[in-house]
Every structure is written in C-alpha cells, then in structure tokens.
Amino acid sequence: MGDKAPALVRGDSGYGNEGILLTLEERDQPYLLRLRQTKNVQRLVAQQFSRQDWSRPDDQGCQMVVASLQLHGWSKKRRVVVVRQRIRGGIARERRMDGKRLKLDLAGPSVPEGERLWEYAVLVTDVTYSQQAIGQLYRDRADAENAFDELKNQWGLGG
C-alpha cells in the first residue's frame, strides 16, 4: 500500500493479543478489536454491570461503558469498551442428546417479566471516538467481512 495506511484496523477476537496490539501501537495504527471472552474478560464484564454510567441505548439497543484492562500476557493496561445489548426474546439453545442427536430448545416468545438477559462484547481500542461511534464501527466490521465471505463462498472462489 506504499505510504497509505488504513484509517482503522478492526478485527474479531483472534486479534486481541499482545503481539498484534504492540505492532499496531508501534506503527501508530488506530485499532478496534474484539476480545475473547476469557475468565478475566468475563470478570471485567461482571464488575462493570453495576455501573450507573452506561450510555443510552443506541439505534441498535446497545449500551456502552469505557474501562481499562490489563490481561495476562499484556505489557500494559489498555482502553476497553464493554458493549451490552438486552436480549428480549427469540432465544434458542442447542444441545446434544445421547452425545449424538442435536436438540434445539426454543425459549418462549419473550423473556419472562422482570428478567433481563444480556449479550455482551468487550472491545480493545486506542481511539477516542464516542462510545456510540465505537459500537457502530465494530458492527460495520461485520458488513465488510460479509462481502469477503460472499466472494469466497457464494461465488465459488473458495473452491
């Protein structure tokens, strides 16, 4: 790419490791990467859920809060954005019966009154965009990946 560089590197959970983060930071390359849901990431999420300063839900119903985190293997603390979205219904659980047959347990049409279920993600970033912008930028990553998936799989380029 010569002297050109991406405005922002976005990636899924396979890229939130120290080697990639250090390389991006050494190159002054802005990044936004999802973290794997390890025990330490889950502990962070549990700590953040009681906070009162979650953002207002965006147009996708996502709320965000900023924190810092130093995972095992990281050389320093980094800025993370915890994103949560309430699940209101349409939930299904897949499980194996007798170790072989798949069974799909469908939940009712909605979550019972008074109960709340949440889906969450933790994003590590060095950008200072607003929380809502970070959530949207990460969601836009999936749209970009869909184009590659279609070229590779639906158009037969992947064999």
Protein backbone atom coordinates (compact mmCIF):
# COMPACT_ATOMS: atom_id res chain seq x y z
CA MET A 1 0.00 0.00 0.00
CA GLY A 2 3.05 2.23 -0.07
CA ASP A 3 2.65 5.24 2.20
CA LYS A 4 -1.08 4.56 2.63
CA ALA A 5 -2.45 3.05 5.82
CA PRO A 6 -5.93 2.08 6.95
CA ALA A 7 -7.78 4.70 8.97
CA LEU A 8 -8.72 2.00 11.48
CA VAL A 9 -7.89 -1.68 11.87
CA ARG A 10 -10.92 -3.66 13.01
CA GLY A 11 -10.80 -7.30 13.94
CA ASP A 12 -12.53 -10.11 15.70
CA SER A 13 -11.46 -11.96 18.83
CA GLY A 14 -8.47 -13.69 17.26
CA TYR A 15 -6.55 -10.42 17.02
CA GLY A 16 -6.63 -9.02 20.57
CA ASN A 17 -3.27 -10.48 21.55
CA GLU A 18 -0.15 -8.66 22.71
CA GLY A 19 1.87 -9.25 19.53
CA ILE A 20 -0.73 -7.67 17.25
CA LEU A 21 -1.52 -4.86 19.69
CA LEU A 22 2.16 -3.94 20.07
CA THR A 23 2.70 -3.97 16.30
CA LEU A 24 -0.30 -1.69 15.75
CA GLU A 25 0.82 0.64 18.55
CA GLU A 26 4.40 0.79 17.23
CA ARG A 27 3.02 1.83 13.83
CA ASP A 28 0.63 4.38 15.38
CA GLN A 29 -2.14 2.45 13.69
CA PRO A 30 -5.57 3.04 15.29
CA TYR A 31 -7.33 -0.22 16.15
CA LEU A 32 -10.63 -1.62 17.37
CA LEU A 33 -10.52 -5.32 18.21
CA ARG A 34 -12.92 -7.65 19.98
CA LEU A 35 -11.54 -9.66 22.89
CA ARG A 36 -12.12 -13.32 23.55
CA GLN A 37 -14.45 -13.99 26.46
CA THR A 38 -11.76 -15.33 28.78
CA LYS A 39 -12.25 -15.53 32.54
CA ASN A 40 -10.54 -12.16 33.07
CA VAL A 41 -12.70 -10.51 30.40
CA GLN A 42 -15.81 -12.06 31.98
CA ARG A 43 -14.67 -10.78 35.39
CA LEU A 44 -14.37 -7.27 33.95
CA VAL A 45 -17.88 -7.50 32.47
CA ALA A 46 -19.29 -8.65 35.83
CA GLN A 47 -17.60 -5.69 37.56
CA GLN A 48 -18.96 -3.19 35.04
CA PHE A 49 -22.60 -4.31 35.04
CA SER A 50 -23.45 -2.50 38.28
CA ARG A 51 -22.12 0.84 37.00
CA GLN A 52 -24.65 3.63 36.64
CA ASP A 53 -22.94 5.47 33.76
CA TRP A 54 -23.80 3.17 30.86
CA SER A 55 -24.55 5.10 27.69
CA ARG A 56 -28.11 5.49 26.49
CA PRO A 57 -29.10 2.69 24.10
CA ASP A 58 -28.08 3.45 20.52
CA ASP A 59 -30.27 2.71 17.50
CA GLN A 60 -29.35 -0.99 17.80
CA GLY A 61 -30.21 -1.08 21.53
CA CYS A 62 -26.57 -1.31 22.60
CA GLN A 63 -25.22 0.39 25.70
CA MET A 64 -21.55 1.01 26.31
CA VAL A 65 -19.17 1.86 29.12
CA VAL A 66 -15.41 2.55 29.00
CA ALA A 67 -12.93 0.83 31.32
CA SER A 68 -9.30 -0.22 31.32
CA LEU A 69 -7.94 -3.73 31.39
CA GLN A 70 -4.59 -5.48 31.53
CA LEU A 71 -4.92 -9.10 30.54
CA HIS A 72 -2.40 -11.81 31.37
CA GLY A 73 0.28 -11.56 28.68
CA TRP A 74 -0.30 -7.87 28.00
CA SER A 75 2.51 -5.46 28.85
CA LYS A 76 0.17 -2.66 29.93
CA LYS A 77 -3.39 -1.59 30.64
CA ARG A 78 -5.44 -0.70 27.60
CA ARG A 79 -8.71 1.11 26.98
CA VAL A 80 -11.67 -1.21 26.52
CA VAL A 81 -15.31 -0.58 25.71
CA VAL A 82 -17.84 -3.01 27.14
CA VAL A 83 -20.88 -3.26 24.88
CA ARG A 84 -24.11 -4.83 26.07
CA GLN A 85 -27.42 -5.43 24.37
CA ARG A 86 -30.52 -6.68 26.06
CA ILE A 87 -31.98 -9.88 24.66
CA ARG A 88 -35.75 -9.70 24.66
CA GLY A 89 -36.72 -12.99 23.05
CA GLY A 90 -36.14 -15.34 20.18
CA ILE A 91 -33.64 -17.33 22.24
CA ALA A 92 -32.67 -20.89 21.35
CA ARG A 93 -30.19 -23.27 22.96
CA GLU A 94 -28.53 -26.09 21.06
CA ARG A 95 -27.53 -29.26 22.89
CA ARG A 96 -26.67 -32.86 22.09
CA MET A 97 -28.88 -35.71 23.20
CA ASP A 98 -27.08 -39.00 23.91
CA GLY A 99 -23.88 -37.33 22.69
CA LYS A 100 -25.11 -37.55 19.08
CA ARG A 101 -28.51 -36.09 18.19
CA LEU A 102 -28.89 -32.33 18.19
CA LYS A 103 -31.80 -30.83 20.05
CA LEU A 104 -32.85 -27.21 19.88
CA ASP A 105 -34.58 -25.81 22.97
CA LEU A 106 -36.64 -22.79 21.99
CA ALA A 107 -37.44 -20.26 24.68
CA GLY A 108 -40.85 -18.64 24.83
CA PRO A 109 -41.69 -15.67 22.64
CA SER A 110 -40.18 -13.27 25.16
CA VAL A 111 -38.08 -13.20 28.29
CA PRO A 112 -40.29 -13.56 31.40
CA GLU A 113 -41.31 -10.27 33.02
CA GLY A 114 -38.72 -8.95 35.43
CA GLU A 115 -35.85 -10.99 33.98
CA ARG A 116 -33.13 -9.48 31.84
CA LEU A 117 -30.72 -11.32 29.59
CA TRP A 118 -27.74 -9.56 28.05
CA GLU A 119 -25.40 -10.24 25.18
CA TYR A 120 -22.06 -8.51 25.55
CA ALA A 121 -18.74 -7.90 23.84
CA VAL A 122 -15.53 -6.27 25.04
CA LEU A 123 -13.58 -4.20 22.51
CA VAL A 124 -10.00 -3.03 22.99
CA THR A 125 -9.15 0.22 21.26
CA ASP A 126 -6.80 3.16 21.22
CA VAL A 127 -9.21 5.56 19.50
CA THR A 128 -11.05 8.29 21.38
CA TYR A 129 -14.26 8.25 19.37
CA SER A 130 -17.56 8.42 21.24
CA GLN A 131 -18.89 5.20 22.70
CA GLN A 132 -21.73 5.08 20.16
CA ALA A 133 -19.29 5.57 17.29
CA ILE A 134 -17.14 2.70 18.56
CA GLY A 135 -20.15 0.38 18.74
CA GLN A 136 -21.19 1.28 15.20
CA LEU A 137 -17.65 0.95 13.84
CA TYR A 138 -17.42 -2.55 15.22
CA ARG A 139 -20.81 -3.53 13.78
CA ASP A 140 -19.72 -2.12 10.41
CA ARG A 141 -16.79 -4.56 10.50
CA ALA A 142 -19.24 -7.43 10.03
CA ASP A 143 -20.67 -5.78 6.92
CA ALA A 144 -17.19 -5.57 5.41
CA GLU A 145 -16.49 -9.22 6.25
CA ASN A 146 -19.75 -10.32 4.64
CA ALA A 147 -18.50 -9.12 1.25
CA PHE A 148 -15.38 -11.29 1.54
CA ASP A 149 -17.48 -14.24 2.73
CA GLU A 150 -19.78 -13.91 -0.28
CA LEU A 151 -16.86 -13.73 -2.71
CA LYS A 152 -15.19 -16.72 -1.12
CA ASN A 153 -18.20 -18.97 -0.53
CA GLN A 154 -21.24 -17.92 -2.54
CA TRP A 155 -19.32 -17.09 -5.71
CA GLY A 156 -17.18 -20.22 -5.58
CA LEU A 157 -13.79 -18.55 -5.17
CA GLY A 158 -13.08 -20.68 -2.10
CA GLY A 159 -13.34 -23.93 -4.04
